[in-house]
PDB file of N, CA and C in Angstrom:
ATOM      1  N   UNK A   1      26.914   6.659 -37.606  1.00  0.00           N
ATOM      2  CA  UNK A   1      27.138   6.643 -36.192  1.00  0.00           C
ATOM      3  C   UNK A   1      26.449   7.763 -35.428  1.00  0.00           C
ATOM      4  N   UNK A   2      26.513   8.944 -35.983  1.00  0.00           N
ATOM      5  CA  UNK A   2      25.939  10.133 -35.362  1.00  0.00           C
ATOM      6  C   UNK A   2      24.406   9.957 -35.353  1.00  0.00           C
ATOM      7  N   UNK A   3      23.868   9.381 -36.389  1.00  0.00           N
ATOM      8  CA  UNK A   3      22.433   9.210 -36.484  1.00  0.00           C
ATOM      9  C   UNK A   3      21.918   8.233 -35.383  1.00  0.00           C
ATOM     10  N   UNK A   4      22.674   7.174 -35.121  1.00  0.00           N
ATOM     11  CA  UNK A   4      22.315   6.297 -34.045  1.00  0.00           C
ATOM     12  C   UNK A   4      22.389   6.972 -32.671  1.00  0.00           C
ATOM     13  N   UNK A   5      23.471   7.763 -32.479  1.00  0.00           N
ATOM     14  CA  UNK A   5      23.575   8.432 -31.175  1.00  0.00           C
ATOM     15  C   UNK A   5      22.388   9.551 -31.017  1.00  0.00           C
ATOM     16  N   UNK A   6      21.993  10.098 -32.068  1.00  0.00           N
ATOM     17  CA  UNK A   6      20.848  11.071 -31.994  1.00  0.00           C
ATOM     18  C   UNK A   6      19.602  10.309 -31.628  1.00  0.00           C
ATOM     19  N   UNK A   7      19.373   9.162 -32.218  1.00  0.00           N
ATOM     20  CA  UNK A   7      18.153   8.334 -31.926  1.00  0.00           C
ATOM     21  C   UNK A   7      18.263   7.946 -30.433  1.00  0.00           C
ATOM     22  N   UNK A   8      19.390   7.476 -29.972  1.00  0.00           N
ATOM     23  CA  UNK A   8      19.502   7.083 -28.543  1.00  0.00           C
ATOM     24  C   UNK A   8      19.281   8.243 -27.598  1.00  0.00           C
ATOM     25  N   UNK A   9      19.806   9.469 -28.034  1.00  0.00           N
ATOM     26  CA  UNK A   9      19.681  10.637 -27.154  1.00  0.00           C
ATOM     27  C   UNK A   9      18.203  11.016 -27.115  1.00  0.00           C
ATOM     28  N   UNK A  10      17.524  11.001 -28.234  1.00  0.00           N
ATOM     29  CA  UNK A  10      16.068  11.379 -28.249  1.00  0.00           C
ATOM     30  C   UNK A  10      15.272  10.373 -27.474  1.00  0.00           C
ATOM     31  N   UNK A  11      15.549   9.106 -27.539  1.00  0.00           N
ATOM     32  CA  UNK A  11      14.854   8.115 -26.777  1.00  0.00           C
ATOM     33  C   UNK A  11      15.028   8.307 -25.311  1.00  0.00           C
ATOM     34  N   UNK A  12      16.294   8.479 -24.860  1.00  0.00           N
ATOM     35  CA  UNK A  12      16.533   8.724 -23.448  1.00  0.00           C
ATOM     36  C   UNK A  12      15.878   9.980 -22.969  1.00  0.00           C
ATOM     37  N   UNK A  13      15.914  11.077 -23.779  1.00  0.00           N
ATOM     38  CA  UNK A  13      15.359  12.303 -23.363  1.00  0.00           C
ATOM     39  C   UNK A  13      13.871  12.199 -23.257  1.00  0.00           C
ATOM     40  N   UNK A  14      13.214  11.405 -24.143  1.00  0.00           N
ATOM     41  CA  UNK A  14      11.766  11.147 -24.102  1.00  0.00           C
ATOM     42  C   UNK A  14      11.440  10.384 -22.827  1.00  0.00           C
ATOM     43  N   UNK A  15      12.177   9.436 -22.488  1.00  0.00           N
ATOM     44  CA  UNK A  15      11.963   8.578 -21.275  1.00  0.00           C
ATOM     45  C   UNK A  15      12.090   9.487 -20.018  1.00  0.00           C
ATOM     46  N   UNK A  16      13.114  10.374 -19.938  1.00  0.00           N
ATOM     47  CA  UNK A  16      13.289  11.198 -18.758  1.00  0.00           C
ATOM     48  C   UNK A  16      12.187  12.241 -18.677  1.00  0.00           C
ATOM     49  N   UNK A  17      11.742  12.828 -19.787  1.00  0.00           N
ATOM     50  CA  UNK A  17      10.709  13.816 -19.796  1.00  0.00           C
ATOM     51  C   UNK A  17       9.353  13.174 -19.407  1.00  0.00           C
ATOM     52  N   UNK A  18       9.145  11.950 -19.840  1.00  0.00           N
ATOM     53  CA  UNK A  18       7.918  11.228 -19.446  1.00  0.00           C
ATOM     54  C   UNK A  18       7.954  10.939 -17.886  1.00  0.00           C
ATOM     55  N   UNK A  19       9.179  10.591 -17.359  1.00  0.00           N
ATOM     56  CA  UNK A  19       9.286  10.366 -15.971  1.00  0.00           C
ATOM     57  C   UNK A  19       8.974  11.680 -15.177  1.00  0.00           C
ATOM     58  N   UNK A  20       9.451  12.813 -15.678  1.00  0.00           N
ATOM     59  CA  UNK A  20       9.223  14.091 -14.986  1.00  0.00           C
ATOM     60  C   UNK A  20       7.736  14.388 -15.046  1.00  0.00           C
ATOM     61  N   UNK A  21       7.106  14.161 -16.167  1.00  0.00           N
ATOM     62  CA  UNK A  21       5.633  14.362 -16.292  1.00  0.00           C
ATOM     63  C   UNK A  21       4.876  13.524 -15.372  1.00  0.00           C
ATOM     64  N   UNK A  22       5.171  12.277 -15.182  1.00  0.00           N
ATOM     65  CA  UNK A  22       4.511  11.390 -14.234  1.00  0.00           C
ATOM     66  C   UNK A  22       4.724  11.907 -12.796  1.00  0.00           C
ATOM     67  N   UNK A  23       5.923  12.385 -12.480  1.00  0.00           N
ATOM     68  CA  UNK A  23       6.168  12.895 -11.148  1.00  0.00           C
ATOM     69  C   UNK A  23       5.328  14.177 -10.899  1.00  0.00           C
ATOM     70  N   UNK A  24       5.235  15.025 -11.904  1.00  0.00           N
ATOM     71  CA  UNK A  24       4.352  16.272 -11.715  1.00  0.00           C
ATOM     72  C   UNK A  24       2.891  15.891 -11.548  1.00  0.00           C
ATOM     73  N   UNK A  25       2.411  14.902 -12.295  1.00  0.00           N
ATOM     74  CA  UNK A  25       1.024  14.469 -12.136  1.00  0.00           C
ATOM     75  C   UNK A  25       0.793  13.844 -10.738  1.00  0.00           C
ATOM     76  N   UNK A  26       1.772  13.150 -10.247  1.00  0.00           N
ATOM     77  CA  UNK A  26       1.662  12.558  -8.897  1.00  0.00           C
ATOM     78  C   UNK A  26       1.557  13.659  -7.819  1.00  0.00           C
ATOM     79  N   UNK A  27       2.414  14.723  -7.884  1.00  0.00           N
ATOM     80  CA  UNK A  27       2.318  15.774  -6.927  1.00  0.00           C
ATOM     81  C   UNK A  27       0.981  16.473  -7.026  1.00  0.00           C
ATOM     82  N   UNK A  28       0.514  16.709  -8.274  1.00  0.00           N
ATOM     83  CA  UNK A  28      -0.810  17.348  -8.464  1.00  0.00           C
ATOM     84  C   UNK A  28      -1.947  16.482  -7.882  1.00  0.00           C
ATOM     85  N   UNK A  29      -1.913  15.235  -8.070  1.00  0.00           N
ATOM     86  CA  UNK A  29      -2.935  14.407  -7.463  1.00  0.00           C
ATOM     87  C   UNK A  29      -2.890  14.435  -5.979  1.00  0.00           C
ATOM     88  N   UNK A  30      -1.725  14.409  -5.376  1.00  0.00           N
ATOM     89  CA  UNK A  30      -1.587  14.495  -3.953  1.00  0.00           C
ATOM     90  C   UNK A  30      -2.176  15.799  -3.363  1.00  0.00           C
ATOM     91  N   UNK A  31      -1.837  16.873  -4.015  1.00  0.00           N
ATOM     92  CA  UNK A  31      -2.414  18.155  -3.626  1.00  0.00           C
ATOM     93  C   UNK A  31      -3.932  18.250  -3.751  1.00  0.00           C
ATOM     94  N   UNK A  32      -4.433  17.722  -4.770  1.00  0.00           N
ATOM     95  CA  UNK A  32      -5.907  17.735  -4.947  1.00  0.00           C
ATOM     96  C   UNK A  32      -6.531  16.763  -3.844  1.00  0.00           C
ATOM     97  N   UNK A  33      -5.945  15.694  -3.579  1.00  0.00           N
ATOM     98  CA  UNK A  33      -6.521  14.776  -2.519  1.00  0.00           C
ATOM     99  C   UNK A  33      -6.507  15.455  -1.181  1.00  0.00           C
ATOM    100  N   UNK A  34      -5.444  16.222  -0.824  1.00  0.00           N
ATOM    101  CA  UNK A  34      -5.436  16.913   0.469  1.00  0.00           C
ATOM    102  C   UNK A  34      -6.467  18.003   0.472  1.00  0.00           C
ATOM    103  N   UNK A  35      -6.609  18.753  -0.616  1.00  0.00           N
ATOM    104  CA  UNK A  35      -7.620  19.818  -0.613  1.00  0.00           C
ATOM    105  C   UNK A  35      -9.024  19.214  -0.646  1.00  0.00           C
ATOM    106  N   UNK A  36      -9.201  18.101  -1.289  1.00  0.00           N
ATOM    107  CA  UNK A  36     -10.556  17.525  -1.380  1.00  0.00           C
ATOM    108  C   UNK A  36     -10.999  17.087  -0.004  1.00  0.00           C
ATOM    109  N   UNK A  37     -10.074  16.586   0.817  1.00  0.00           N
ATOM    110  CA  UNK A  37     -10.469  16.146   2.229  1.00  0.00           C
ATOM    111  C   UNK A  37     -10.829  17.424   3.057  1.00  0.00           C
ATOM    112  N   UNK A  38     -10.082  18.450   2.932  1.00  0.00           N
ATOM    113  CA  UNK A  38     -10.414  19.680   3.627  1.00  0.00           C
ATOM    114  C   UNK A  38     -11.772  20.261   3.122  1.00  0.00           C
ATOM    115  N   UNK A  39     -12.008  20.179   1.844  1.00  0.00           N
ATOM    116  CA  UNK A  39     -13.255  20.697   1.217  1.00  0.00           C
ATOM    117  C   UNK A  39     -14.412  19.866   1.741  1.00  0.00           C
ATOM    118  N   UNK A  40     -14.243  18.443   1.783  1.00  0.00           N
ATOM    119  CA  UNK A  40     -15.303  17.635   2.304  1.00  0.00           C
ATOM    120  C   UNK A  40     -15.649  17.976   3.747  1.00  0.00           C
ATOM    121  N   UNK A  41     -14.601  18.169   4.555  1.00  0.00           N
ATOM    122  CA  UNK A  41     -14.897  18.461   5.954  1.00  0.00           C
ATOM    123  C   UNK A  41     -15.587  19.807   6.103  1.00  0.00           C
ATOM    124  N   UNK A  42     -15.282  20.849   5.281  1.00  0.00           N
ATOM    125  CA  UNK A  42     -15.881  22.088   5.385  1.00  0.00           C
ATOM    126  C   UNK A  42     -17.374  22.013   4.896  1.00  0.00           C
ATOM    127  N   UNK A  43     -17.616  21.270   3.804  1.00  0.00           N
ATOM    128  CA  UNK A  43     -18.971  21.136   3.386  1.00  0.00           C
ATOM    129  C   UNK A  43     -19.831  20.314   4.368  1.00  0.00           C
ATOM    130  N   UNK A  44     -19.223  19.302   5.029  1.00  0.00           N
ATOM    131  CA  UNK A  44     -19.870  18.586   6.049  1.00  0.00           C
ATOM    132  C   UNK A  44     -20.287  19.457   7.245  1.00  0.00           C
ATOM    133  N   UNK A  45     -19.347  20.370   7.593  1.00  0.00           N
ATOM    134  CA  UNK A  45     -19.614  21.312   8.684  1.00  0.00           C
ATOM    135  C   UNK A  45     -20.813  22.228   8.278  1.00  0.00           C
ATOM    136  N   UNK A  46     -20.839  22.693   7.030  1.00  0.00           N
ATOM    137  CA  UNK A  46     -21.892  23.573   6.608  1.00  0.00           C
ATOM    138  C   UNK A  46     -23.265  22.859   6.674  1.00  0.00           C
ATOM    139  N   UNK A  47     -23.322  21.614   6.287  1.00  0.00           N
ATOM    140  CA  UNK A  47     -24.536  20.847   6.346  1.00  0.00           C
ATOM    141  C   UNK A  47     -25.003  20.638   7.769  1.00  0.00           C
ATOM    142  N   UNK A  48     -24.060  20.238   8.636  1.00  0.00           N
ATOM    143  CA  UNK A  48     -24.472  20.046  10.073  1.00  0.00           C
ATOM    144  C   UNK A  48     -24.883  21.354  10.633  1.00  0.00           C
ATOM    145  N   UNK A  49     -24.207  22.402  10.368  1.00  0.00           N
ATOM    146  CA  UNK A  49     -24.541  23.742  10.873  1.00  0.00           C
ATOM    147  C   UNK A  49     -25.906  24.154  10.377  1.00  0.00           C
ATOM    148  N   UNK A  50     -26.228  23.970   9.104  1.00  0.00           N
ATOM    149  CA  UNK A  50     -27.516  24.310   8.556  1.00  0.00           C
ATOM    150  C   UNK A  50     -28.656  23.568   9.204  1.00  0.00           C
ATOM    151  N   UNK A  51     -28.492  22.239   9.400  1.00  0.00           N
ATOM    152  CA  UNK A  51     -29.519  21.486  10.071  1.00  0.00           C
ATOM    153  C   UNK A  51     -29.652  21.645  11.527  1.00  0.00           C
ATOM    154  N   UNK A  52     -28.591  22.085  12.178  1.00  0.00           N
ATOM    155  CA  UNK A  52     -28.673  22.396  13.647  1.00  0.00           C
ATOM    156  C   UNK A  52     -29.492  23.613  13.902  1.00  0.00           C
ATOM    157  N   UNK A  53     -29.668  24.511  12.946  1.00  0.00           N
ATOM    158  CA  UNK A  53     -30.389  25.750  13.075  1.00  0.00           C
ATOM    159  C   UNK A  53     -31.830  25.562  12.696  1.00  0.00           C
ATOM    160  N   UNK A  54     -32.190  24.486  12.009  1.00  0.00           N
ATOM    161  CA  UNK A  54     -33.600  24.331  11.590  1.00  0.00           C
ATOM    162  C   UNK A  54     -34.465  23.809  12.710  1.00  0.00           C
ATOM    163  N   UNK A  55     -35.763  24.030  12.587  1.00  0.00           N
ATOM    164  CA  UNK A  55     -36.705  23.546  13.602  1.00  0.00           C
ATOM    165  C   UNK A  55     -36.970  22.106  13.321  1.00  0.00           C
ATOM    166  N   UNK A  56     -37.387  21.377  14.381  1.00  0.00           N
ATOM    167  CA  UNK A  56     -37.699  20.012  14.294  1.00  0.00           C
ATOM    168  C   UNK A  56     -39.064  19.763  13.760  1.00  0.00           C
ATOM    169  N   UNK A  57     -39.910  20.738  13.930  1.00  0.00           N
ATOM    170  CA  UNK A  57     -41.320  20.625  13.525  1.00  0.00           C
ATOM    171  C   UNK A  57     -41.521  21.096  12.033  1.00  0.00           C
ATOM    172  N   UNK A  58     -42.454  20.474  11.354  1.00  0.00           N
ATOM    173  CA  UNK A  58     -42.779  20.898   9.965  1.00  0.00           C
ATOM    174  C   UNK A  58     -43.404  22.257   9.961  1.00  0.00           C
ATOM    175  N   UNK A  59     -43.533  22.929   8.871  1.00  0.00           N
ATOM    176  CA  UNK A  59     -43.992  24.369   8.830  1.00  0.00           C
ATOM    177  C   UNK A  59     -45.345  24.627   9.423  1.00  0.00           C
ATOM    178  N   UNK A  60     -46.404  23.871   9.420  1.00  0.00           N
ATOM    179  CA  UNK A  60     -47.591  24.268  10.096  1.00  0.00           C
ATOM    180  C   UNK A  60     -47.417  24.363  11.610  1.00  0.00           C
ATOM    181  N   UNK A  61     -46.527  23.521  12.203  1.00  0.00           N
ATOM    182  CA  UNK A  61     -46.368  23.447  13.603  1.00  0.00           C
ATOM    183  C   UNK A  61     -45.161  24.211  14.154  1.00  0.00           C
ATOM    184  N   UNK A  62     -44.359  24.740  13.265  1.00  0.00           N
ATOM    185  CA  UNK A  62     -43.162  25.446  13.726  1.00  0.00           C
ATOM    186  C   UNK A  62     -43.484  26.764  14.449  1.00  0.00           C
ATOM    187  N   UNK A  63     -44.691  27.278  14.359  1.00  0.00           N
ATOM    188  CA  UNK A  63     -45.056  28.469  15.056  1.00  0.00           C
ATOM    189  C   UNK A  63     -45.059  28.173  16.530  1.00  0.00           C
ATOM    190  N   UNK A  64     -45.374  26.923  16.930  1.00  0.00           N
ATOM    191  CA  UNK A  64     -45.261  26.550  18.363  1.00  0.00           C
ATOM    192  C   UNK A  64     -43.840  26.629  18.876  1.00  0.00           C
ATOM    193  N   UNK A  65     -42.952  26.195  17.984  1.00  0.00           N
ATOM    194  CA  UNK A  65     -41.512  26.222  18.394  1.00  0.00           C
ATOM    195  C   UNK A  65     -41.032  27.637  18.603  1.00  0.00           C
ATOM    196  N   UNK A  66     -41.467  28.595  17.666  1.00  0.00           N
ATOM    197  CA  UNK A  66     -41.073  29.963  17.788  1.00  0.00           C
ATOM    198  C   UNK A  66     -41.663  30.570  19.004  1.00  0.00           C
ATOM    199  N   UNK A  67     -42.912  30.290  19.296  1.00  0.00           N
ATOM    200  CA  UNK A  67     -43.569  30.782  20.543  1.00  0.00           C
ATOM    201  C   UNK A  67     -42.747  30.286  21.778  1.00  0.00           C
ATOM    202  N   UNK A  68     -42.343  29.035  21.810  1.00  0.00           N
ATOM    203  CA  UNK A  68     -41.599  28.545  22.866  1.00  0.00           C
ATOM    204  C   UNK A  68     -40.227  29.247  23.035  1.00  0.00           C
ATOM    205  N   UNK A  69     -39.579  29.525  21.934  1.00  0.00           N
ATOM    206  CA  UNK A  69     -38.285  30.183  21.930  1.00  0.00           C
ATOM    207  C   UNK A  69     -38.470  31.586  22.504  1.00  0.00           C
ATOM    208  N   UNK A  70     -39.563  32.267  22.067  1.00  0.00           N
ATOM    209  CA  UNK A  70     -39.740  33.648  22.598  1.00  0.00           C
ATOM    210  C   UNK A  70     -40.009  33.565  24.080  1.00  0.00           C
ATOM    211  N   UNK A  71     -40.800  32.688  24.542  1.00  0.00           N
ATOM    212  CA  UNK A  71     -41.085  32.606  25.954  1.00  0.00           C
ATOM    213  C   UNK A  71     -39.855  32.227  26.739  1.00  0.00           C
ATOM    214  N   UNK A  72     -38.981  31.359  26.188  1.00  0.00           N
ATOM    215  CA  UNK A  72     -37.755  31.002  26.836  1.00  0.00           C
ATOM    216  C   UNK A  72     -36.808  32.187  26.907  1.00  0.00           C
ATOM    217  N   UNK A  73     -36.784  32.926  25.871  1.00  0.00           N
ATOM    218  CA  UNK A  73     -35.919  34.139  25.818  1.00  0.00           C
ATOM    219  C   UNK A  73     -36.387  35.199  26.781  1.00  0.00           C
ATOM    220  N   UNK A  74     -37.681  35.335  26.941  1.00  0.00           N
ATOM    221  CA  UNK A  74     -38.225  36.362  27.933  1.00  0.00           C
ATOM    222  C   UNK A  74     -37.994  35.849  29.296  1.00  0.00           C
ATOM    223  N   UNK A  75     -38.087  34.606  29.610  1.00  0.00           N
ATOM    224  CA  UNK A  75     -37.827  34.090  30.944  1.00  0.00           C
ATOM    225  C   UNK A  75     -36.318  34.195  31.394  1.00  0.00           C
ATOM    226  N   UNK A  76     -35.510  33.959  30.375  1.00  0.00           N
ATOM    227  CA  UNK A  76     -34.054  34.034  30.779  1.00  0.00           C
ATOM    228  C   UNK A  76     -33.598  35.499  30.831  1.00  0.00           C
ATOM    229  N   UNK A  77     -34.329  36.350  30.176  1.00  0.00           N
ATOM    230  CA  UNK A  77     -33.953  37.831  30.204  1.00  0.00           C
ATOM    231  C   UNK A  77     -34.366  38.455  31.562  1.00  0.00           C
ATOM    232  N   UNK A  78     -35.440  37.960  32.161  1.00  0.00           N
ATOM    233  CA  UNK A  78     -35.921  38.578  33.399  1.00  0.00           C
ATOM    234  C   UNK A  78     -35.160  38.156  34.613  1.00  0.00           C
TER     235      UNK A  78
END
């Protein structure tokens, strides 16, 4: 009789521990999903910020852009 009760106890304990493990994994997955969304938005911001600072012209012609920026700066400064 005690052996059967021990088997039932171990089976119930295993089921409860497995349920706790699934709950912990669920919380971990939710935290990772929230962080991944924030990380995606931050990386998207970095990409947009990087491309907003680049010139529109390719390297042989970007000297024209820099000359224009210098002239514009000098005109606004005066």
